[in-house]
Amino acid sequence: MKLYRQTDEILHYMWDPIGVAGIAQARDEYHSYLPQVFQLVLKNELKEKIATYLLGIQKNSMGLSPNREAALEIAQILLNTREAIIEDGF
């Protein structure tokens, strides 16, 4: 499904909280989070809910200081991508 692939690309190349986007061997680094993020996007959840999930990953799973503004930006990109794909007929 195109939306699933695009969600994966956005997480890897744009969200990328640990900075592995340029490392080919780390292409699957965020795959464990992908199904849940995809479900949130597919359900067209509020960007705040998606951002909260991303922030939780950064803080609880990665031990990083979360950046709310960046998470909200990524959530909006994910939702915009969803809309664009749906307009194209999935």
PDB file of N, CA and C in Angstrom:
ATOM      1  N   MET A   1       0.840  -1.176   0.000  1.00  0.00           N
ATOM      2  CA  MET A   1       0.000   0.000   0.000  1.00  0.00           C
ATOM      3  C   MET A   1       0.892   1.249   0.000  1.00  0.00           C
ATOM      4  N   LYS A   2       0.562   2.164  -0.837  1.00  0.00           N
ATOM      5  CA  LYS A   2       1.381   3.361  -1.023  1.00  0.00           C
ATOM      6  C   LYS A   2       1.511   4.175   0.270  1.00  0.00           C
ATOM      7  N   LEU A   3       0.428   4.313   1.019  1.00  0.00           N
ATOM      8  CA  LEU A   3       0.471   5.097   2.250  1.00  0.00           C
ATOM      9  C   LEU A   3       1.419   4.471   3.272  1.00  0.00           C
ATOM     10  N   TYR A   4       1.433   3.152   3.356  1.00  0.00           N
ATOM     11  CA  TYR A   4       2.336   2.467   4.284  1.00  0.00           C
ATOM     12  C   TYR A   4       3.793   2.744   3.907  1.00  0.00           C
ATOM     13  N   ARG A   5       4.099   2.633   2.622  1.00  0.00           N
ATOM     14  CA  ARG A   5       5.472   2.893   2.154  1.00  0.00           C
ATOM     15  C   ARG A   5       5.877   4.342   2.398  1.00  0.00           C
ATOM     16  N   GLN A   6       4.958   5.256   2.143  1.00  0.00           N
ATOM     17  CA  GLN A   6       5.263   6.668   2.347  1.00  0.00           C
ATOM     18  C   GLN A   6       5.443   6.984   3.833  1.00  0.00           C
ATOM     19  N   THR A   7       4.655   6.363   4.685  1.00  0.00           N
ATOM     20  CA  THR A   7       4.808   6.547   6.128  1.00  0.00           C
ATOM     21  C   THR A   7       6.189   6.072   6.558  1.00  0.00           C
ATOM     22  N   ASP A   8       6.604   4.931   6.045  1.00  0.00           N
ATOM     23  CA  ASP A   8       7.939   4.403   6.330  1.00  0.00           C
ATOM     24  C   ASP A   8       9.021   5.384   5.881  1.00  0.00           C
ATOM     25  N   GLU A   9       8.884   5.917   4.680  1.00  0.00           N
ATOM     26  CA  GLU A   9       9.873   6.868   4.149  1.00  0.00           C
ATOM     27  C   GLU A   9       9.947   8.126   5.018  1.00  0.00           C
ATOM     28  N   ILE A  10       8.802   8.632   5.431  1.00  0.00           N
ATOM     29  CA  ILE A  10       8.779   9.844   6.253  1.00  0.00           C
ATOM     30  C   ILE A  10       9.432   9.584   7.606  1.00  0.00           C
ATOM     31  N   LEU A  11       9.127   8.455   8.218  1.00  0.00           N
ATOM     32  CA  LEU A  11       9.764   8.139   9.502  1.00  0.00           C
ATOM     33  C   LEU A  11      11.276   8.035   9.351  1.00  0.00           C
ATOM     34  N   HIS A  12      11.721   7.374   8.311  1.00  0.00           N
ATOM     35  CA  HIS A  12      13.162   7.143   8.151  1.00  0.00           C
ATOM     36  C   HIS A  12      13.932   8.393   7.733  1.00  0.00           C
ATOM     37  N   TYR A  13      13.415   9.105   6.756  1.00  0.00           N
ATOM     38  CA  TYR A  13      14.190  10.207   6.190  1.00  0.00           C
ATOM     39  C   TYR A  13      13.876  11.575   6.794  1.00  0.00           C
ATOM     40  N   MET A  14      12.692  11.738   7.374  1.00  0.00           N
ATOM     41  CA  MET A  14      12.333  13.053   7.886  1.00  0.00           C
ATOM     42  C   MET A  14      12.264  13.094   9.409  1.00  0.00           C
ATOM     43  N   TRP A  15      11.616  12.108  10.010  1.00  0.00           N
ATOM     44  CA  TRP A  15      11.517  12.094  11.471  1.00  0.00           C
ATOM     45  C   TRP A  15      12.893  11.784  12.045  1.00  0.00           C
ATOM     46  N   ASP A  16      13.449  10.648  11.754  1.00  0.00           N
ATOM     47  CA  ASP A  16      14.819  10.223  12.022  1.00  0.00           C
ATOM     48  C   ASP A  16      15.450  10.819  13.289  1.00  0.00           C
ATOM     49  N   PRO A  17      14.891  10.539  14.468  1.00  0.00           N
ATOM     50  CA  PRO A  17      15.406  11.161  15.691  1.00  0.00           C
ATOM     51  C   PRO A  17      16.823  10.736  16.078  1.00  0.00           C
ATOM     52  N   ILE A  18      17.292   9.594  15.591  1.00  0.00           N
ATOM     53  CA  ILE A  18      18.651   9.178  15.961  1.00  0.00           C
ATOM     54  C   ILE A  18      19.659   9.391  14.835  1.00  0.00           C
ATOM     55  N   GLY A  19      19.218   9.997  13.740  1.00  0.00           N
ATOM     56  CA  GLY A  19      20.130  10.399  12.680  1.00  0.00           C
ATOM     57  C   GLY A  19      20.746   9.285  11.858  1.00  0.00           C
ATOM     58  N   VAL A  20      19.916   8.330  11.440  1.00  0.00           N
ATOM     59  CA  VAL A  20      20.431   7.208  10.647  1.00  0.00           C
ATOM     60  C   VAL A  20      19.982   7.231   9.182  1.00  0.00           C
ATOM     61  N   ALA A  21      19.354   8.306   8.756  1.00  0.00           N
ATOM     62  CA  ALA A  21      18.790   8.354   7.403  1.00  0.00           C
ATOM     63  C   ALA A  21      19.820   8.088   6.313  1.00  0.00           C
ATOM     64  N   GLY A  22      21.056   8.449   6.532  1.00  0.00           N
ATOM     65  CA  GLY A  22      22.076   8.261   5.515  1.00  0.00           C
ATOM     66  C   GLY A  22      22.816   6.936   5.594  1.00  0.00           C
ATOM     67  N   ILE A  23      22.402   6.062   6.476  1.00  0.00           N
ATOM     68  CA  ILE A  23      23.090   4.782   6.673  1.00  0.00           C
ATOM     69  C   ILE A  23      22.228   3.653   6.103  1.00  0.00           C
ATOM     70  N   ALA A  24      22.661   3.088   5.003  1.00  0.00           N
ATOM     71  CA  ALA A  24      21.874   2.053   4.316  1.00  0.00           C
ATOM     72  C   ALA A  24      21.570   0.852   5.225  1.00  0.00           C
ATOM     73  N   GLN A  25      22.514   0.473   6.063  1.00  0.00           N
ATOM     74  CA  GLN A  25      22.323  -0.688   6.938  1.00  0.00           C
ATOM     75  C   GLN A  25      21.279  -0.433   8.026  1.00  0.00           C
ATOM     76  N   ALA A  26      20.905   0.806   8.239  1.00  0.00           N
ATOM     77  CA  ALA A  26      19.937   1.147   9.285  1.00  0.00           C
ATOM     78  C   ALA A  26      18.549   1.425   8.710  1.00  0.00           C
ATOM     79  N   ARG A  27      18.316   1.007   7.475  1.00  0.00           N
ATOM     80  CA  ARG A  27      17.058   1.316   6.806  1.00  0.00           C
ATOM     81  C   ARG A  27      15.837   0.795   7.566  1.00  0.00           C
ATOM     82  N   ASP A  28      16.015  -0.242   8.354  1.00  0.00           N
ATOM     83  CA  ASP A  28      14.883  -0.813   9.093  1.00  0.00           C
ATOM     84  C   ASP A  28      14.796  -0.321  10.545  1.00  0.00           C
ATOM     85  N   GLU A  29      15.550   0.676  10.887  1.00  0.00           N
ATOM     86  CA  GLU A  29      15.660   1.147  12.276  1.00  0.00           C
ATOM     87  C   GLU A  29      14.309   1.490  12.907  1.00  0.00           C
ATOM     88  N   TYR A  30      13.409   2.060  12.162  1.00  0.00           N
ATOM     89  CA  TYR A  30      12.127   2.507  12.728  1.00  0.00           C
ATOM     90  C   TYR A  30      10.962   1.589  12.372  1.00  0.00           C
ATOM     91  N   HIS A  31      11.252   0.448  11.796  1.00  0.00           N
ATOM     92  CA  HIS A  31      10.185  -0.451  11.354  1.00  0.00           C
ATOM     93  C   HIS A  31       9.301  -0.958  12.489  1.00  0.00           C
ATOM     94  N   SER A  32       9.821  -1.065  13.690  1.00  0.00           N
ATOM     95  CA  SER A  32       8.986  -1.554  14.794  1.00  0.00           C
ATOM     96  C   SER A  32       7.907  -0.539  15.180  1.00  0.00           C
ATOM     97  N   TYR A  33       8.106   0.720  14.849  1.00  0.00           N
ATOM     98  CA  TYR A  33       7.122   1.758  15.159  1.00  0.00           C
ATOM     99  C   TYR A  33       6.150   1.990  14.001  1.00  0.00           C
ATOM    100  N   LEU A  34       6.506   1.523  12.846  1.00  0.00           N
ATOM    101  CA  LEU A  34       5.750   1.796  11.629  1.00  0.00           C
ATOM    102  C   LEU A  34       4.288   1.339  11.686  1.00  0.00           C
ATOM    103  N   PRO A  35       3.970   0.123  12.129  1.00  0.00           N
ATOM    104  CA  PRO A  35       2.559  -0.296  12.113  1.00  0.00           C
ATOM    105  C   PRO A  35       1.647   0.629  12.932  1.00  0.00           C
ATOM    106  N   GLN A  36       2.099   1.035  14.102  1.00  0.00           N
ATOM    107  CA  GLN A  36       1.260   1.891  14.945  1.00  0.00           C
ATOM    108  C   GLN A  36       1.121   3.289  14.352  1.00  0.00           C
ATOM    109  N   VAL A  37       2.218   3.847  13.864  1.00  0.00           N
ATOM    110  CA  VAL A  37       2.143   5.166  13.234  1.00  0.00           C
ATOM    111  C   VAL A  37       1.225   5.100  12.027  1.00  0.00           C
ATOM    112  N   PHE A  38       1.369   4.057  11.226  1.00  0.00           N
ATOM    113  CA  PHE A  38       0.521   3.890  10.046  1.00  0.00           C
ATOM    114  C   PHE A  38      -0.957   3.846  10.436  1.00  0.00           C
ATOM    115  N   GLN A  39      -1.289   3.110  11.480  1.00  0.00           N
ATOM    116  CA  GLN A  39      -2.692   3.017  11.912  1.00  0.00           C
ATOM    117  C   GLN A  39      -3.234   4.381  12.332  1.00  0.00           C
ATOM    118  N   LEU A  40      -2.420   5.153  13.033  1.00  0.00           N
ATOM    119  CA  LEU A  40      -2.845   6.497  13.438  1.00  0.00           C
ATOM    120  C   LEU A  40      -3.108   7.375  12.216  1.00  0.00           C
ATOM    121  N   VAL A  41      -2.214   7.289  11.247  1.00  0.00           N
ATOM    122  CA  VAL A  41      -2.361   8.082  10.028  1.00  0.00           C
ATOM    123  C   VAL A  41      -3.565   7.596   9.223  1.00  0.00           C
ATOM    124  N   LEU A  42      -3.691   6.302   9.071  1.00  0.00           N
ATOM    125  CA  LEU A  42      -4.797   5.727   8.307  1.00  0.00           C
ATOM    126  C   LEU A  42      -6.146   6.138   8.895  1.00  0.00           C
ATOM    127  N   LYS A  43      -6.230   6.183  10.229  1.00  0.00           N
ATOM    128  CA  LYS A  43      -7.472   6.577  10.906  1.00  0.00           C
ATOM    129  C   LYS A  43      -7.676   8.086  10.904  1.00  0.00           C
ATOM    130  N   ASN A  44      -6.713   8.819  10.350  1.00  0.00           N
ATOM    131  CA  ASN A  44      -6.786  10.278  10.285  1.00  0.00           C
ATOM    132  C   ASN A  44      -6.906  10.896  11.674  1.00  0.00           C
ATOM    133  N   GLU A  45      -6.120  10.363  12.588  1.00  0.00           N
ATOM    134  CA  GLU A  45      -6.109  10.890  13.951  1.00  0.00           C
ATOM    135  C   GLU A  45      -5.596  12.330  13.943  1.00  0.00           C
ATOM    136  N   LEU A  46      -5.860  13.041  14.999  1.00  0.00           N
ATOM    137  CA  LEU A  46      -5.366  14.407  15.126  1.00  0.00           C
ATOM    138  C   LEU A  46      -3.840  14.404  15.131  1.00  0.00           C
ATOM    139  N   LYS A  47      -3.271  15.455  14.560  1.00  0.00           N
ATOM    140  CA  LYS A  47      -1.809  15.518  14.513  1.00  0.00           C
ATOM    141  C   LYS A  47      -1.212  15.498  15.918  1.00  0.00           C
ATOM    142  N   GLU A  48      -1.923  16.025  16.897  1.00  0.00           N
ATOM    143  CA  GLU A  48      -1.439  16.015  18.278  1.00  0.00           C
ATOM    144  C   GLU A  48      -1.304  14.590  18.813  1.00  0.00           C
ATOM    145  N   LYS A  49      -2.233  13.727  18.434  1.00  0.00           N
ATOM    146  CA  LYS A  49      -2.177  12.334  18.883  1.00  0.00           C
ATOM    147  C   LYS A  49      -0.995  11.605  18.234  1.00  0.00           C
ATOM    148  N   ILE A  50      -0.783  11.847  16.955  1.00  0.00           N
ATOM    149  CA  ILE A  50       0.353  11.237  16.259  1.00  0.00           C
ATOM    150  C   ILE A  50       1.659  11.758  16.849  1.00  0.00           C
ATOM    151  N   ALA A  51       1.722  13.065  17.069  1.00  0.00           N
ATOM    152  CA  ALA A  51       2.931  13.669  17.650  1.00  0.00           C
ATOM    153  C   ALA A  51       3.195  13.113  19.045  1.00  0.00           C
ATOM    154  N   THR A  52       2.160  12.940  19.839  1.00  0.00           N
ATOM    155  CA  THR A  52       2.326  12.389  21.188  1.00  0.00           C
ATOM    156  C   THR A  52       2.912  10.982  21.122  1.00  0.00           C
ATOM    157  N   TYR A  53       2.458  10.188  20.165  1.00  0.00           N
ATOM    158  CA  TYR A  53       3.013   8.841  20.005  1.00  0.00           C
ATOM    159  C   TYR A  53       4.499   8.915  19.635  1.00  0.00           C
ATOM    160  N   LEU A  54       4.842   9.780  18.687  1.00  0.00           N
ATOM    161  CA  LEU A  54       6.247   9.932  18.286  1.00  0.00           C
ATOM    162  C   LEU A  54       7.103  10.424  19.452  1.00  0.00           C
ATOM    163  N   LEU A  55       6.577  11.354  20.227  1.00  0.00           N
ATOM    164  CA  LEU A  55       7.313  11.877  21.382  1.00  0.00           C
ATOM    165  C   LEU A  55       7.541  10.789  22.427  1.00  0.00           C
ATOM    166  N   GLY A  56       6.536   9.937  22.614  1.00  0.00           N
ATOM    167  CA  GLY A  56       6.674   8.825  23.552  1.00  0.00           C
ATOM    168  C   GLY A  56       7.773   7.865  23.132  1.00  0.00           C
ATOM    169  N   ILE A  57       7.866   7.600  21.850  1.00  0.00           N
ATOM    170  CA  ILE A  57       8.935   6.737  21.336  1.00  0.00           C
ATOM    171  C   ILE A  57      10.292   7.364  21.638  1.00  0.00           C
ATOM    172  N   GLN A  58      10.415   8.643  21.309  1.00  0.00           N
ATOM    173  CA  GLN A  58      11.697   9.326  21.520  1.00  0.00           C
ATOM    174  C   GLN A  58      12.104   9.295  22.988  1.00  0.00           C
ATOM    175  N   LYS A  59      11.166   9.558  23.864  1.00  0.00           N
ATOM    176  CA  LYS A  59      11.484   9.633  25.296  1.00  0.00           C
ATOM    177  C   LYS A  59      11.641   8.251  25.928  1.00  0.00           C
ATOM    178  N   ASN A  60      10.657   7.389  25.720  1.00  0.00           N
ATOM    179  CA  ASN A  60      10.616   6.122  26.447  1.00  0.00           C
ATOM    180  C   ASN A  60      11.413   4.995  25.797  1.00  0.00           C
ATOM    181  N   SER A  61      11.454   4.959  24.487  1.00  0.00           N
ATOM    182  CA  SER A  61      12.160   3.874  23.808  1.00  0.00           C
ATOM    183  C   SER A  61      13.590   4.233  23.436  1.00  0.00           C
ATOM    184  N   MET A  62      13.814   5.512  23.146  1.00  0.00           N
ATOM    185  CA  MET A  62      15.135   5.936  22.669  1.00  0.00           C
ATOM    186  C   MET A  62      15.925   6.718  23.708  1.00  0.00           C
ATOM    187  N   GLY A  63      15.259   7.140  24.775  1.00  0.00           N
ATOM    188  CA  GLY A  63      15.937   7.901  25.814  1.00  0.00           C
ATOM    189  C   GLY A  63      16.373   9.288  25.367  1.00  0.00           C
ATOM    190  N   LEU A  64      15.669   9.850  24.395  1.00  0.00           N
ATOM    191  CA  LEU A  64      16.007  11.167  23.869  1.00  0.00           C
ATOM    192  C   LEU A  64      15.098  12.232  24.461  1.00  0.00           C
ATOM    193  N   SER A  65      15.544  13.455  24.391  1.00  0.00           N
ATOM    194  CA  SER A  65      14.686  14.577  24.768  1.00  0.00           C
ATOM    195  C   SER A  65      13.753  14.855  23.597  1.00  0.00           C
ATOM    196  N   PRO A  66      12.461  14.706  23.817  1.00  0.00           N
ATOM    197  CA  PRO A  66      11.523  14.890  22.713  1.00  0.00           C
ATOM    198  C   PRO A  66      11.416  16.357  22.283  1.00  0.00           C
ATOM    199  N   ASN A  67      11.159  16.539  20.996  1.00  0.00           N
ATOM    200  CA  ASN A  67      10.986  17.859  20.409  1.00  0.00           C
ATOM    201  C   ASN A  67       9.552  17.941  19.897  1.00  0.00           C
ATOM    202  N   ARG A  68       8.687  18.583  20.668  1.00  0.00           N
ATOM    203  CA  ARG A  68       7.260  18.629  20.338  1.00  0.00           C
ATOM    204  C   ARG A  68       7.001  19.317  18.997  1.00  0.00           C
ATOM    205  N   GLU A  69       7.667  20.419  18.749  1.00  0.00           N
ATOM    206  CA  GLU A  69       7.463  21.154  17.500  1.00  0.00           C
ATOM    207  C   GLU A  69       7.804  20.284  16.288  1.00  0.00           C
ATOM    208  N   ALA A  70       8.926  19.582  16.364  1.00  0.00           N
ATOM    209  CA  ALA A  70       9.339  18.706  15.263  1.00  0.00           C
ATOM    210  C   ALA A  70       8.351  17.549  15.092  1.00  0.00           C
ATOM    211  N   ALA A  71       7.878  16.988  16.193  1.00  0.00           N
ATOM    212  CA  ALA A  71       6.920  15.881  16.126  1.00  0.00           C
ATOM    213  C   ALA A  71       5.601  16.339  15.504  1.00  0.00           C
ATOM    214  N   LEU A  72       5.151  17.532  15.850  1.00  0.00           N
ATOM    215  CA  LEU A  72       3.932  18.068  15.254  1.00  0.00           C
ATOM    216  C   LEU A  72       4.108  18.298  13.754  1.00  0.00           C
ATOM    217  N   GLU A  73       5.291  18.754  13.377  1.00  0.00           N
ATOM    218  CA  GLU A  73       5.571  18.969  11.955  1.00  0.00           C
ATOM    219  C   GLU A  73       5.527  17.650  11.182  1.00  0.00           C
ATOM    220  N   ILE A  74       6.142  16.613  11.736  1.00  0.00           N
ATOM    221  CA  ILE A  74       6.133  15.300  11.087  1.00  0.00           C
ATOM    222  C   ILE A  74       4.707  14.748  11.027  1.00  0.00           C
ATOM    223  N   ALA A  75       3.957  14.919  12.106  1.00  0.00           N
ATOM    224  CA  ALA A  75       2.568  14.452  12.116  1.00  0.00           C
ATOM    225  C   ALA A  75       1.763  15.134  11.014  1.00  0.00           C
ATOM    226  N   GLN A  76       1.986  16.422  10.824  1.00  0.00           N
ATOM    227  CA  GLN A  76       1.264  17.138   9.773  1.00  0.00           C
ATOM    228  C   GLN A  76       1.685  16.640   8.391  1.00  0.00           C
ATOM    229  N   ILE A  77       2.963  16.389   8.205  1.00  0.00           N
ATOM    230  CA  ILE A  77       3.447  15.848   6.930  1.00  0.00           C
ATOM    231  C   ILE A  77       2.801  14.486   6.655  1.00  0.00           C
ATOM    232  N   LEU A  78       2.717  13.652   7.678  1.00  0.00           N
ATOM    233  CA  LEU A  78       2.086  12.341   7.520  1.00  0.00           C
ATOM    234  C   LEU A  78       0.622  12.483   7.109  1.00  0.00           C
ATOM    235  N   LEU A  79      -0.091  13.382   7.755  1.00  0.00           N
ATOM    236  CA  LEU A  79      -1.503  13.576   7.431  1.00  0.00           C
ATOM    237  C   LEU A  79      -1.682  14.194   6.048  1.00  0.00           C
ATOM    238  N   ASN A  80      -0.807  15.113   5.684  1.00  0.00           N
ATOM    239  CA  ASN A  80      -0.872  15.696   4.341  1.00  0.00           C
ATOM    240  C   ASN A  80      -0.609  14.637   3.276  1.00  0.00           C
ATOM    241  N   THR A  81       0.326  13.752   3.566  1.00  0.00           N
ATOM    242  CA  THR A  81       0.638  12.662   2.644  1.00  0.00           C
ATOM    243  C   THR A  81      -0.566  11.741   2.496  1.00  0.00           C
ATOM    244  N   ARG A  82      -1.208  11.443   3.605  1.00  0.00           N
ATOM    245  CA  ARG A  82      -2.424  10.614   3.574  1.00  0.00           C
ATOM    246  C   ARG A  82      -3.469  11.246   2.661  1.00  0.00           C
ATOM    247  N   GLU A  83      -3.705  12.519   2.834  1.00  0.00           N
ATOM    248  CA  GLU A  83      -4.706  13.204   2.032  1.00  0.00           C
ATOM    249  C   GLU A  83      -4.353  13.177   0.546  1.00  0.00           C
ATOM    250  N   ALA A  84      -3.094  13.403   0.240  1.00  0.00           N
ATOM    251  CA  ALA A  84      -2.660  13.408  -1.159  1.00  0.00           C
ATOM    252  C   ALA A  84      -2.855  12.026  -1.794  1.00  0.00           C
ATOM    253  N   ILE A  85      -2.545  10.997  -1.043  1.00  0.00           N
ATOM    254  CA  ILE A  85      -2.676   9.632  -1.569  1.00  0.00           C
ATOM    255  C   ILE A  85      -4.144   9.261  -1.730  1.00  0.00           C
ATOM    256  N   ILE A  86      -4.968   9.639  -0.779  1.00  0.00           N
ATOM    257  CA  ILE A  86      -6.393   9.336  -0.876  1.00  0.00           C
ATOM    258  C   ILE A  86      -7.013  10.056  -2.072  1.00  0.00           C
ATOM    259  N   GLU A  87      -6.615  11.293  -2.290  1.00  0.00           N
ATOM    260  CA  GLU A  87      -7.111  12.041  -3.449  1.00  0.00           C
ATOM    261  C   GLU A  87      -6.725  11.360  -4.748  1.00  0.00           C
ATOM    262  N   ASP A  88      -5.572  10.682  -4.759  1.00  0.00           N
ATOM    263  CA  ASP A  88      -5.113   9.964  -5.945  1.00  0.00           C
ATOM    264  C   ASP A  88      -5.739   8.575  -6.064  1.00  0.00           C
ATOM    265  N   GLY A  89      -6.559   8.204  -5.093  1.00  0.00           N
ATOM    266  CA  GLY A  89      -7.232   6.910  -5.143  1.00  0.00           C
ATOM    267  C   GLY A  89      -6.439   5.790  -4.495  1.00  0.00           C
ATOM    268  N   PHE A  90      -5.641   6.135  -3.460  1.00  0.00           N
ATOM    269  CA  PHE A  90      -4.831   5.180  -2.705  1.00  0.00           C
ATOM    270  C   PHE A  90      -3.843   4.578  -3.640  1.00  0.00           C
TER     271      PHE A  90
END
